[in-house]
Amino acid sequence: MRPSARAALDRFRKPAFLKSMRDAKPNKERAPKKPASAERQPGVRRSDAARIPGASVHTSLASEIGLRIVRGDYPPGTILPNEAKWSETFSVSRSAVREAIKMLMAKSLLASRPKIGSWVEPRERWNLLDRDVLAWYATSPDREVFLKTVQEFRHIIEPEATAFAAMRRTDEQMAEISQACREMGEAASLQERTRADTRFHLAILRASGNDLLVPLGVLIESAFDHLFTFTTRAVDDLNHVQKLHEAIEKNIRLQRPDAARAAVRKLLANTDNVIKSR
């Protein structure tokens, strides 16, 4: 090898030269900076967008659109605004809109098709056992219809469930029912009484021993909350209502299924009268 070539090779092997190569900055002319619009990844929410309260943007957006649907702003068959319009209205990304629409489709409130968009499904297809849909339904202008629907459900389910609870309840389940009943009478606020009332009825469903009623009770918990809040505000004599609950508790505790069934029917009849009087 010629001396000049060997000298060049030795220069490449020197640590100082290798370090200078590692530290060298790239040629800016060969790697031009991308425009700002291209740097933002699709689906990323704009930093200056107004926030929608909630655990996540798409969940909050689904709640807002779902409430508008249930209260009648968008009647069944209505073609909803497209992704771009929702994105502009709520200052969110299109990906958030897409996720919100997927959530509402899963609840059977919406259907979607390419080149057509999303539209509101007929009311009879809505999943009213979904917690979110129940909550939106309870705050809609058709509250009276909602309350009557919940009451009809109670008439169908609760008398027999209570009779089964009187026959099948365990000591632990009885203690839960009794405690909820006692807390209703001791409640110092509307919220405390309503929550205790809901716990009382859900505990009875669990004590019935029917595996299908347990998850059903969990699903309609929000419906009970809304119903009991309304009736507790509207009732004139809370002491009378408390005695009706205590009669149910007593007959379950004494394992009297027929008497427990009759006690529930008295309570339901009283609630019917409260709803009709308002």
C-alpha atoms as a PDB file:
ATOM      1  CA  MET A   1       0.000   0.000   0.000  1.00  0.00           C
ATOM      2  CA  ARG A   2       1.301   3.442  -0.883  1.00  0.00           C
ATOM      3  CA  PRO A   3       2.232   5.732   2.047  1.00  0.00           C
ATOM      4  CA  SER A   4      -0.455   8.309   1.097  1.00  0.00           C
ATOM      5  CA  ALA A   5      -3.218   5.654   1.124  1.00  0.00           C
ATOM      6  CA  ARG A   6      -2.017   4.210   4.457  1.00  0.00           C
ATOM      7  CA  ALA A   7      -2.024   7.687   5.984  1.00  0.00           C
ATOM      8  CA  ALA A   8      -5.611   8.270   4.864  1.00  0.00           C
ATOM      9  CA  LEU A   9      -6.747   4.934   6.304  1.00  0.00           C
ATOM     10  CA  ASP A  10      -5.080   5.684   9.635  1.00  0.00           C
ATOM     11  CA  ARG A  11      -6.888   9.029   9.758  1.00  0.00           C
ATOM     12  CA  PHE A  12     -10.281   7.277   9.408  1.00  0.00           C
ATOM     13  CA  ARG A  13      -9.415   4.911  12.275  1.00  0.00           C
ATOM     14  CA  LYS A  14      -8.518   7.649  14.761  1.00  0.00           C
ATOM     15  CA  PRO A  15     -11.041   7.957  17.659  1.00  0.00           C
ATOM     16  CA  ALA A  16     -11.264  11.709  17.278  1.00  0.00           C
ATOM     17  CA  PHE A  17     -12.407  11.404  13.689  1.00  0.00           C
ATOM     18  CA  LEU A  18     -14.986   8.712  14.516  1.00  0.00           C
ATOM     19  CA  LYS A  19     -16.377  10.887  17.310  1.00  0.00           C
ATOM     20  CA  SER A  20     -16.649  13.855  14.986  1.00  0.00           C
ATOM     21  CA  MET A  21     -18.680  11.730  12.567  1.00  0.00           C
ATOM     22  CA  ARG A  22     -21.068  10.597  15.303  1.00  0.00           C
ATOM     23  CA  ASP A  23     -21.555  14.141  16.551  1.00  0.00           C
ATOM     24  CA  ALA A  24     -21.954  15.661  13.138  1.00  0.00           C
ATOM     25  CA  LYS A  25     -25.335  17.346  12.522  1.00  0.00           C
ATOM     26  CA  PRO A  26     -27.328  16.323   9.455  1.00  0.00           C
ATOM     27  CA  ASN A  27     -27.381  18.576   6.464  1.00  0.00           C
ATOM     28  CA  LYS A  28     -30.482  20.719   6.826  1.00  0.00           C
ATOM     29  CA  GLU A  29     -30.696  21.235   3.099  1.00  0.00           C
ATOM     30  CA  ARG A  30     -31.027  17.484   2.495  1.00  0.00           C
ATOM     31  CA  ALA A  31     -33.622  16.978   5.210  1.00  0.00           C
ATOM     32  CA  PRO A  32     -35.988  19.939   4.993  1.00  0.00           C
ATOM     33  CA  LYS A  33     -38.331  20.465   7.941  1.00  0.00           C
ATOM     34  CA  LYS A  34     -41.855  19.237   7.433  1.00  0.00           C
ATOM     35  CA  PRO A  35     -44.674  21.767   7.476  1.00  0.00           C
ATOM     36  CA  ALA A  36     -46.439  22.112  10.837  1.00  0.00           C
ATOM     37  CA  SER A  37     -49.652  20.671   9.428  1.00  0.00           C
ATOM     38  CA  ALA A  38     -47.860  17.519   8.344  1.00  0.00           C
ATOM     39  CA  GLU A  39     -46.204  17.020  11.724  1.00  0.00           C
ATOM     40  CA  ARG A  40     -49.503  16.651  13.617  1.00  0.00           C
ATOM     41  CA  GLN A  41     -50.527  13.026  13.618  1.00  0.00           C
ATOM     42  CA  PRO A  42     -54.038  12.235  12.487  1.00  0.00           C
ATOM     43  CA  GLY A  43     -56.515  11.883  15.328  1.00  0.00           C
ATOM     44  CA  VAL A  44     -54.524  14.028  17.775  1.00  0.00           C
ATOM     45  CA  ARG A  45     -56.689  16.554  19.562  1.00  0.00           C
ATOM     46  CA  ARG A  46     -55.825  20.181  18.972  1.00  0.00           C
ATOM     47  CA  SER A  47     -54.177  21.854  21.955  1.00  0.00           C
ATOM     48  CA  ASP A  48     -56.428  24.903  21.638  1.00  0.00           C
ATOM     49  CA  ALA A  49     -59.656  22.876  21.442  1.00  0.00           C
ATOM     50  CA  ALA A  50     -62.299  23.332  24.132  1.00  0.00           C
ATOM     51  CA  ARG A  51     -62.365  20.378  26.489  1.00  0.00           C
ATOM     52  CA  ILE A  52     -65.464  18.278  27.004  1.00  0.00           C
ATOM     53  CA  PRO A  53     -65.743  17.109  30.633  1.00  0.00           C
ATOM     54  CA  GLY A  54     -65.315  13.388  31.156  1.00  0.00           C
ATOM     55  CA  ALA A  55     -62.824  10.588  31.391  1.00  0.00           C
ATOM     56  CA  SER A  56     -61.993  10.788  27.688  1.00  0.00           C
ATOM     57  CA  VAL A  57     -62.890  12.991  24.760  1.00  0.00           C
ATOM     58  CA  HIS A  58     -64.695  10.325  22.727  1.00  0.00           C
ATOM     59  CA  THR A  59     -66.656   9.064  25.761  1.00  0.00           C
ATOM     60  CA  SER A  60     -67.810  12.579  26.608  1.00  0.00           C
ATOM     61  CA  LEU A  61     -68.675  13.226  22.983  1.00  0.00           C
ATOM     62  CA  ALA A  62     -70.705  10.016  22.800  1.00  0.00           C
ATOM     63  CA  SER A  63     -72.571  11.091  25.943  1.00  0.00           C
ATOM     64  CA  GLU A  64     -73.426  14.482  24.477  1.00  0.00           C
ATOM     65  CA  ILE A  65     -74.626  13.097  21.128  1.00  0.00           C
ATOM     66  CA  GLY A  66     -76.458  10.223  22.844  1.00  0.00           C
ATOM     67  CA  LEU A  67     -78.332  12.610  25.115  1.00  0.00           C
ATOM     68  CA  ARG A  68     -79.367  14.710  22.119  1.00  0.00           C
ATOM     69  CA  ILE A  69     -80.672  11.609  20.378  1.00  0.00           C
ATOM     70  CA  VAL A  70     -82.641  10.283  23.344  1.00  0.00           C
ATOM     71  CA  ARG A  71     -84.232  13.626  24.171  1.00  0.00           C
ATOM     72  CA  GLY A  72     -85.451  13.953  20.581  1.00  0.00           C
ATOM     73  CA  ASP A  73     -83.105  16.513  19.016  1.00  0.00           C
ATOM     74  CA  TYR A  74     -82.414  13.923  16.306  1.00  0.00           C
ATOM     75  CA  PRO A  75     -85.537  11.775  15.751  1.00  0.00           C
ATOM     76  CA  PRO A  76     -85.248   8.195  14.434  1.00  0.00           C
ATOM     77  CA  GLY A  77     -84.233   8.159  10.790  1.00  0.00           C
ATOM     78  CA  THR A  78     -82.316  11.450  10.996  1.00  0.00           C
ATOM     79  CA  ILE A  79     -78.984  11.543   9.146  1.00  0.00           C
ATOM     80  CA  LEU A  80     -76.454  12.982  11.583  1.00  0.00           C
ATOM     81  CA  PRO A  81     -73.787  15.563  10.720  1.00  0.00           C
ATOM     82  CA  ASN A  82     -70.607  14.128   9.231  1.00  0.00           C
ATOM     83  CA  GLU A  83     -67.267  13.730  11.018  1.00  0.00           C
ATOM     84  CA  ALA A  84     -65.998  17.110   9.879  1.00  0.00           C
ATOM     85  CA  LYS A  85     -69.065  18.923  11.225  1.00  0.00           C
ATOM     86  CA  TRP A  86     -68.970  17.183  14.616  1.00  0.00           C
ATOM     87  CA  SER A  87     -65.231  17.857  14.796  1.00  0.00           C
ATOM     88  CA  GLU A  88     -65.815  21.556  14.169  1.00  0.00           C
ATOM     89  CA  THR A  89     -68.803  21.780  16.545  1.00  0.00           C
ATOM     90  CA  PHE A  90     -67.017  20.261  19.538  1.00  0.00           C
ATOM     91  CA  SER A  91     -63.415  21.179  18.632  1.00  0.00           C
ATOM     92  CA  VAL A  92     -62.249  17.579  18.727  1.00  0.00           C
ATOM     93  CA  SER A  93     -60.368  15.371  16.298  1.00  0.00           C
ATOM     94  CA  ARG A  94     -62.121  13.252  13.711  1.00  0.00           C
ATOM     95  CA  SER A  95     -60.774  10.111  15.328  1.00  0.00           C
ATOM     96  CA  ALA A  96     -62.597  11.091  18.556  1.00  0.00           C
ATOM     97  CA  VAL A  97     -65.781  11.519  16.540  1.00  0.00           C
ATOM     98  CA  ARG A  98     -65.350   8.093  14.946  1.00  0.00           C
ATOM     99  CA  GLU A  99     -64.860   6.443  18.354  1.00  0.00           C
ATOM    100  CA  ALA A 100     -67.940   8.210  19.735  1.00  0.00           C
ATOM    101  CA  ILE A 101     -70.042   7.031  16.797  1.00  0.00           C
ATOM    102  CA  LYS A 102     -68.804   3.465  17.337  1.00  0.00           C
ATOM    103  CA  MET A 103     -69.899   3.634  20.978  1.00  0.00           C
ATOM    104  CA  LEU A 104     -73.389   4.804  20.012  1.00  0.00           C
ATOM    105  CA  MET A 105     -73.652   2.096  17.373  1.00  0.00           C
ATOM    106  CA  ALA A 106     -72.779  -0.502  20.029  1.00  0.00           C
ATOM    107  CA  LYS A 107     -75.716   0.808  22.072  1.00  0.00           C
ATOM    108  CA  SER A 108     -77.944   0.445  18.973  1.00  0.00           C
ATOM    109  CA  LEU A 109     -78.745   4.155  18.864  1.00  0.00           C
ATOM    110  CA  LEU A 110     -77.037   4.591  15.504  1.00  0.00           C
ATOM    111  CA  ALA A 111     -76.375   2.720  12.298  1.00  0.00           C
ATOM    112  CA  SER A 112     -73.838   3.701   9.671  1.00  0.00           C
ATOM    113  CA  ARG A 113     -73.065   2.986   6.047  1.00  0.00           C
ATOM    114  CA  PRO A 114     -70.335   4.265   3.709  1.00  0.00           C
ATOM    115  CA  LYS A 115     -71.331   7.214   1.485  1.00  0.00           C
ATOM    116  CA  ILE A 116     -74.503   7.683   3.545  1.00  0.00           C
ATOM    117  CA  GLY A 117     -73.194   8.390   7.012  1.00  0.00           C
ATOM    118  CA  SER A 118     -74.751   7.696  10.402  1.00  0.00           C
ATOM    119  CA  TRP A 119     -78.452   7.802  11.170  1.00  0.00           C
ATOM    120  CA  VAL A 120     -80.619   7.358  14.261  1.00  0.00           C
ATOM    121  CA  GLU A 121     -82.108   3.894  14.671  1.00  0.00           C
ATOM    122  CA  PRO A 122     -85.800   3.333  15.574  1.00  0.00           C
ATOM    123  CA  ARG A 123     -86.442   3.662  19.309  1.00  0.00           C
ATOM    124  CA  GLU A 124     -87.431   0.006  19.672  1.00  0.00           C
ATOM    125  CA  ARG A 125     -83.885  -1.005  18.704  1.00  0.00           C
ATOM    126  CA  TRP A 126     -82.215   1.090  21.400  1.00  0.00           C
ATOM    127  CA  ASN A 127     -80.504  -0.865  24.142  1.00  0.00           C
ATOM    128  CA  LEU A 128     -82.419   0.561  27.093  1.00  0.00           C
ATOM    129  CA  LEU A 129     -80.671  -1.800  29.493  1.00  0.00           C
ATOM    130  CA  ASP A 130     -77.408   0.012  28.797  1.00  0.00           C
ATOM    131  CA  ARG A 131     -76.474   2.198  31.759  1.00  0.00           C
ATOM    132  CA  ASP A 132     -75.672   5.243  29.642  1.00  0.00           C
ATOM    133  CA  VAL A 133     -78.859   5.005  27.589  1.00  0.00           C
ATOM    134  CA  LEU A 134     -80.925   4.637  30.761  1.00  0.00           C
ATOM    135  CA  ALA A 135     -79.292   7.730  32.246  1.00  0.00           C
ATOM    136  CA  TRP A 136     -79.959   9.754  29.068  1.00  0.00           C
ATOM    137  CA  TYR A 137     -83.521   8.430  28.922  1.00  0.00           C
ATOM    138  CA  ALA A 138     -84.138   9.430  32.538  1.00  0.00           C
ATOM    139  CA  THR A 139     -83.186  13.065  31.842  1.00  0.00           C
ATOM    140  CA  SER A 140     -85.153  13.363  28.597  1.00  0.00           C
ATOM    141  CA  PRO A 141     -88.342  15.470  28.289  1.00  0.00           C
ATOM    142  CA  ASP A 142     -90.344  12.205  28.262  1.00  0.00           C
ATOM    143  CA  ARG A 143     -89.528  11.636  31.930  1.00  0.00           C
ATOM    144  CA  GLU A 144     -93.094  10.598  32.738  1.00  0.00           C
ATOM    145  CA  VAL A 145     -92.912   7.903  30.071  1.00  0.00           C
ATOM    146  CA  PHE A 146     -89.595   6.762  31.498  1.00  0.00           C
ATOM    147  CA  LEU A 147     -90.956   6.568  35.051  1.00  0.00           C
ATOM    148  CA  LYS A 148     -93.955   4.549  33.931  1.00  0.00           C
ATOM    149  CA  THR A 149     -91.703   2.186  32.007  1.00  0.00           C
ATOM    150  CA  VAL A 150     -89.564   1.586  35.087  1.00  0.00           C
ATOM    151  CA  GLN A 151     -92.684   1.057  37.192  1.00  0.00           C
ATOM    152  CA  GLU A 152     -94.061  -1.511  34.749  1.00  0.00           C
ATOM    153  CA  PHE A 153     -90.753  -3.347  34.961  1.00  0.00           C
ATOM    154  CA  ARG A 154     -91.001  -3.347  38.748  1.00  0.00           C
ATOM    155  CA  HIS A 155     -94.545  -4.725  38.666  1.00  0.00           C
ATOM    156  CA  ILE A 156     -93.355  -7.580  36.463  1.00  0.00           C
ATOM    157  CA  ILE A 157     -90.209  -8.436  38.436  1.00  0.00           C
ATOM    158  CA  GLU A 158     -90.274  -7.319  42.062  1.00  0.00           C
ATOM    159  CA  PRO A 159     -93.278  -9.135  43.622  1.00  0.00           C
ATOM    160  CA  GLU A 160     -92.049 -12.602  42.661  1.00  0.00           C
ATOM    161  CA  ALA A 161     -88.399 -11.723  43.270  1.00  0.00           C
ATOM    162  CA  THR A 162     -89.331 -10.623  46.785  1.00  0.00           C
ATOM    163  CA  ALA A 163     -91.280 -13.836  47.410  1.00  0.00           C
ATOM    164  CA  PHE A 164     -88.243 -15.853  46.329  1.00  0.00           C
ATOM    165  CA  ALA A 165     -86.026 -13.724  48.564  1.00  0.00           C
ATOM    166  CA  ALA A 166     -88.241 -14.582  51.537  1.00  0.00           C
ATOM    167  CA  MET A 167     -87.701 -18.276  50.811  1.00  0.00           C
ATOM    168  CA  ARG A 168     -84.042 -18.247  49.788  1.00  0.00           C
ATOM    169  CA  ARG A 169     -82.243 -15.369  51.467  1.00  0.00           C
ATOM    170  CA  THR A 170     -79.166 -16.078  53.550  1.00  0.00           C
ATOM    171  CA  ASP A 171     -78.409 -14.422  56.872  1.00  0.00           C
ATOM    172  CA  GLU A 172     -75.818 -12.199  55.183  1.00  0.00           C
ATOM    173  CA  GLN A 173     -78.293 -11.141  52.507  1.00  0.00           C
ATOM    174  CA  MET A 174     -80.941 -10.455  55.137  1.00  0.00           C
ATOM    175  CA  ALA A 175     -78.504  -8.273  57.029  1.00  0.00           C
ATOM    176  CA  GLU A 176     -77.862  -6.269  53.835  1.00  0.00           C
ATOM    177  CA  ILE A 177     -81.599  -5.774  53.221  1.00  0.00           C
ATOM    178  CA  SER A 178     -82.237  -4.757  56.840  1.00  0.00           C
ATOM    179  CA  GLN A 179     -79.332  -2.326  56.883  1.00  0.00           C
ATOM    180  CA  ALA A 180     -80.484  -0.596  53.696  1.00  0.00           C
ATOM    181  CA  CYS A 181     -84.007  -0.311  55.091  1.00  0.00           C
ATOM    182  CA  ARG A 182     -82.700   1.149  58.334  1.00  0.00           C
ATOM    183  CA  GLU A 183     -80.469   3.636  56.493  1.00  0.00           C
ATOM    184  CA  MET A 184     -83.478   4.842  54.509  1.00  0.00           C
ATOM    185  CA  GLY A 185     -85.189   5.855  57.733  1.00  0.00           C
ATOM    186  CA  GLU A 186     -82.048   7.484  59.126  1.00  0.00           C
ATOM    187  CA  ALA A 187     -81.068   9.362  55.960  1.00  0.00           C
ATOM    188  CA  ALA A 188     -80.405  13.068  56.438  1.00  0.00           C
ATOM    189  CA  SER A 189     -80.583  14.044  52.768  1.00  0.00           C
ATOM    190  CA  LEU A 190     -82.421  13.183  49.585  1.00  0.00           C
ATOM    191  CA  GLN A 191     -79.302  11.637  48.078  1.00  0.00           C
ATOM    192  CA  GLU A 192     -78.660   9.421  51.107  1.00  0.00           C
ATOM    193  CA  ARG A 193     -82.249   8.184  51.167  1.00  0.00           C
ATOM    194  CA  THR A 194     -82.327   7.546  47.417  1.00  0.00           C
ATOM    195  CA  ARG A 195     -79.102   5.535  47.483  1.00  0.00           C
ATOM    196  CA  ALA A 196     -80.325   3.495  50.457  1.00  0.00           C
ATOM    197  CA  ASP A 197     -83.634   2.871  48.666  1.00  0.00           C
ATOM    198  CA  THR A 198     -81.795   1.605  45.595  1.00  0.00           C
ATOM    199  CA  ARG A 199     -79.549  -0.636  47.711  1.00  0.00           C
ATOM    200  CA  PHE A 200     -82.639  -2.067  49.428  1.00  0.00           C
ATOM    201  CA  HIS A 201     -84.296  -3.155  46.184  1.00  0.00           C
ATOM    202  CA  LEU A 202     -81.091  -4.426  44.577  1.00  0.00           C
ATOM    203  CA  ALA A 203     -80.318  -6.465  47.704  1.00  0.00           C
ATOM    204  CA  ILE A 204     -83.726  -8.119  47.398  1.00  0.00           C
ATOM    205  CA  LEU A 205     -83.035  -9.029  43.769  1.00  0.00           C
ATOM    206  CA  ARG A 206     -79.739 -10.615  44.806  1.00  0.00           C
ATOM    207  CA  ALA A 207     -81.422 -12.493  47.650  1.00  0.00           C
ATOM    208  CA  SER A 208     -83.966 -13.989  45.229  1.00  0.00           C
ATOM    209  CA  GLY A 209     -81.345 -16.544  44.234  1.00  0.00           C
ATOM    210  CA  ASN A 210     -81.979 -16.127  40.507  1.00  0.00           C
ATOM    211  CA  ASP A 211     -78.725 -15.681  38.601  1.00  0.00           C
ATOM    212  CA  LEU A 212     -80.393 -13.641  35.851  1.00  0.00           C
ATOM    213  CA  LEU A 213     -81.804 -11.044  38.225  1.00  0.00           C
ATOM    214  CA  VAL A 214     -78.431 -10.104  39.688  1.00  0.00           C
ATOM    215  CA  PRO A 215     -76.883  -8.614  36.508  1.00  0.00           C
ATOM    216  CA  LEU A 216     -80.271  -7.206  35.562  1.00  0.00           C
ATOM    217  CA  GLY A 217     -80.390  -5.339  38.838  1.00  0.00           C
ATOM    218  CA  VAL A 218     -76.956  -3.867  38.224  1.00  0.00           C
ATOM    219  CA  LEU A 219     -78.044  -2.678  34.777  1.00  0.00           C
ATOM    220  CA  ILE A 220     -81.167  -0.904  36.024  1.00  0.00           C
ATOM    221  CA  GLU A 221     -79.492   0.636  39.072  1.00  0.00           C
ATOM    222  CA  SER A 222     -79.385   4.067  37.457  1.00  0.00           C
ATOM    223  CA  ALA A 223     -83.069   3.742  36.520  1.00  0.00           C
ATOM    224  CA  PHE A 224     -83.936   3.055  40.156  1.00  0.00           C
ATOM    225  CA  ASP A 225     -81.859   6.038  41.256  1.00  0.00           C
ATOM    226  CA  HIS A 226     -83.742   8.397  38.959  1.00  0.00           C
ATOM    227  CA  LEU A 227     -87.148   6.948  39.854  1.00  0.00           C
ATOM    228  CA  PHE A 228     -86.573   7.037  43.607  1.00  0.00           C
ATOM    229  CA  THR A 229     -85.180  10.576  43.453  1.00  0.00           C
ATOM    230  CA  PHE A 230     -88.340  11.733  41.703  1.00  0.00           C
ATOM    231  CA  THR A 231     -90.776   9.904  43.990  1.00  0.00           C
ATOM    232  CA  THR A 232     -88.945  10.862  47.189  1.00  0.00           C
ATOM    233  CA  ARG A 233     -89.154  14.522  46.215  1.00  0.00           C
ATOM    234  CA  ALA A 234     -92.812  14.193  45.276  1.00  0.00           C
ATOM    235  CA  VAL A 235     -94.121  12.084  48.170  1.00  0.00           C
ATOM    236  CA  ASP A 236     -96.005  13.876  50.936  1.00  0.00           C
ATOM    237  CA  ASP A 237     -95.564  11.325  53.722  1.00  0.00           C
ATOM    238  CA  LEU A 238     -92.116   9.733  53.953  1.00  0.00           C
ATOM    239  CA  ASN A 239     -93.045   7.988  57.199  1.00  0.00           C
ATOM    240  CA  HIS A 240     -95.793   6.068  55.370  1.00  0.00           C
ATOM    241  CA  VAL A 241     -93.376   5.060  52.621  1.00  0.00           C
ATOM    242  CA  GLN A 242     -90.822   3.978  55.212  1.00  0.00           C
ATOM    243  CA  LYS A 243     -93.410   1.725  56.891  1.00  0.00           C
ATOM    244  CA  LEU A 244     -94.162   0.101  53.514  1.00  0.00           C
ATOM    245  CA  HIS A 245     -90.474  -0.744  53.122  1.00  0.00           C
ATOM    246  CA  GLU A 246     -90.265  -2.006  56.684  1.00  0.00           C
ATOM    247  CA  ALA A 247     -93.198  -4.343  56.022  1.00  0.00           C
ATOM    248  CA  ILE A 248     -91.298  -5.828  53.081  1.00  0.00           C
ATOM    249  CA  GLU A 249     -88.159  -6.223  55.197  1.00  0.00           C
ATOM    250  CA  LYS A 250     -90.110  -7.877  58.032  1.00  0.00           C
ATOM    251  CA  ASN A 251     -91.817 -10.451  55.822  1.00  0.00           C
ATOM    252  CA  ILE A 252     -88.567 -11.386  54.092  1.00  0.00           C
ATOM    253  CA  ARG A 253     -86.893 -11.724  57.495  1.00  0.00           C
ATOM    254  CA  LEU A 254     -89.735 -13.929  58.786  1.00  0.00           C
ATOM    255  CA  GLN A 255     -89.655 -15.901  55.529  1.00  0.00           C
ATOM    256  CA  ARG A 256     -93.272 -15.239  54.580  1.00  0.00           C
ATOM    257  CA  PRO A 257     -93.251 -15.240  50.759  1.00  0.00           C
ATOM    258  CA  ASP A 258     -96.970 -14.487  50.238  1.00  0.00           C
ATOM    259  CA  ALA A 259     -96.943 -11.623  52.715  1.00  0.00           C
ATOM    260  CA  ALA A 260     -93.702 -10.280  51.222  1.00  0.00           C
ATOM    261  CA  ARG A 261     -95.231 -10.338  47.744  1.00  0.00           C
ATOM    262  CA  ALA A 262     -98.306  -8.481  48.973  1.00  0.00           C
ATOM    263  CA  ALA A 263     -96.170  -5.905  50.791  1.00  0.00           C
ATOM    264  CA  VAL A 264     -94.265  -5.109  47.596  1.00  0.00           C
ATOM    265  CA  ARG A 265     -97.484  -4.673  45.658  1.00  0.00           C
ATOM    266  CA  LYS A 266     -98.681  -2.139  48.249  1.00  0.00           C
ATOM    267  CA  LEU A 267     -95.450  -0.199  47.827  1.00  0.00           C
ATOM    268  CA  LEU A 268     -95.726  -0.282  44.027  1.00  0.00           C
ATOM    269  CA  ALA A 269     -99.345   0.917  44.160  1.00  0.00           C
ATOM    270  CA  ASN A 270     -98.262   3.824  46.358  1.00  0.00           C
ATOM    271  CA  THR A 271     -95.495   4.741  43.883  1.00  0.00           C
ATOM    272  CA  ASP A 272     -97.988   4.565  41.008  1.00  0.00           C
ATOM    273  CA  ASN A 273    -100.188   7.087  42.791  1.00  0.00           C
ATOM    274  CA  VAL A 274     -97.251   9.423  43.382  1.00  0.00           C
ATOM    275  CA  ILE A 275     -96.333   9.391  39.685  1.00  0.00           C
ATOM    276  CA  LYS A 276     -99.925   9.951  38.578  1.00  0.00           C
ATOM    277  CA  SER A 277    -100.393  12.881  40.955  1.00  0.00           C
ATOM    278  CA  ARG A 278     -97.488  14.816  39.460  1.00  0.00           C
END
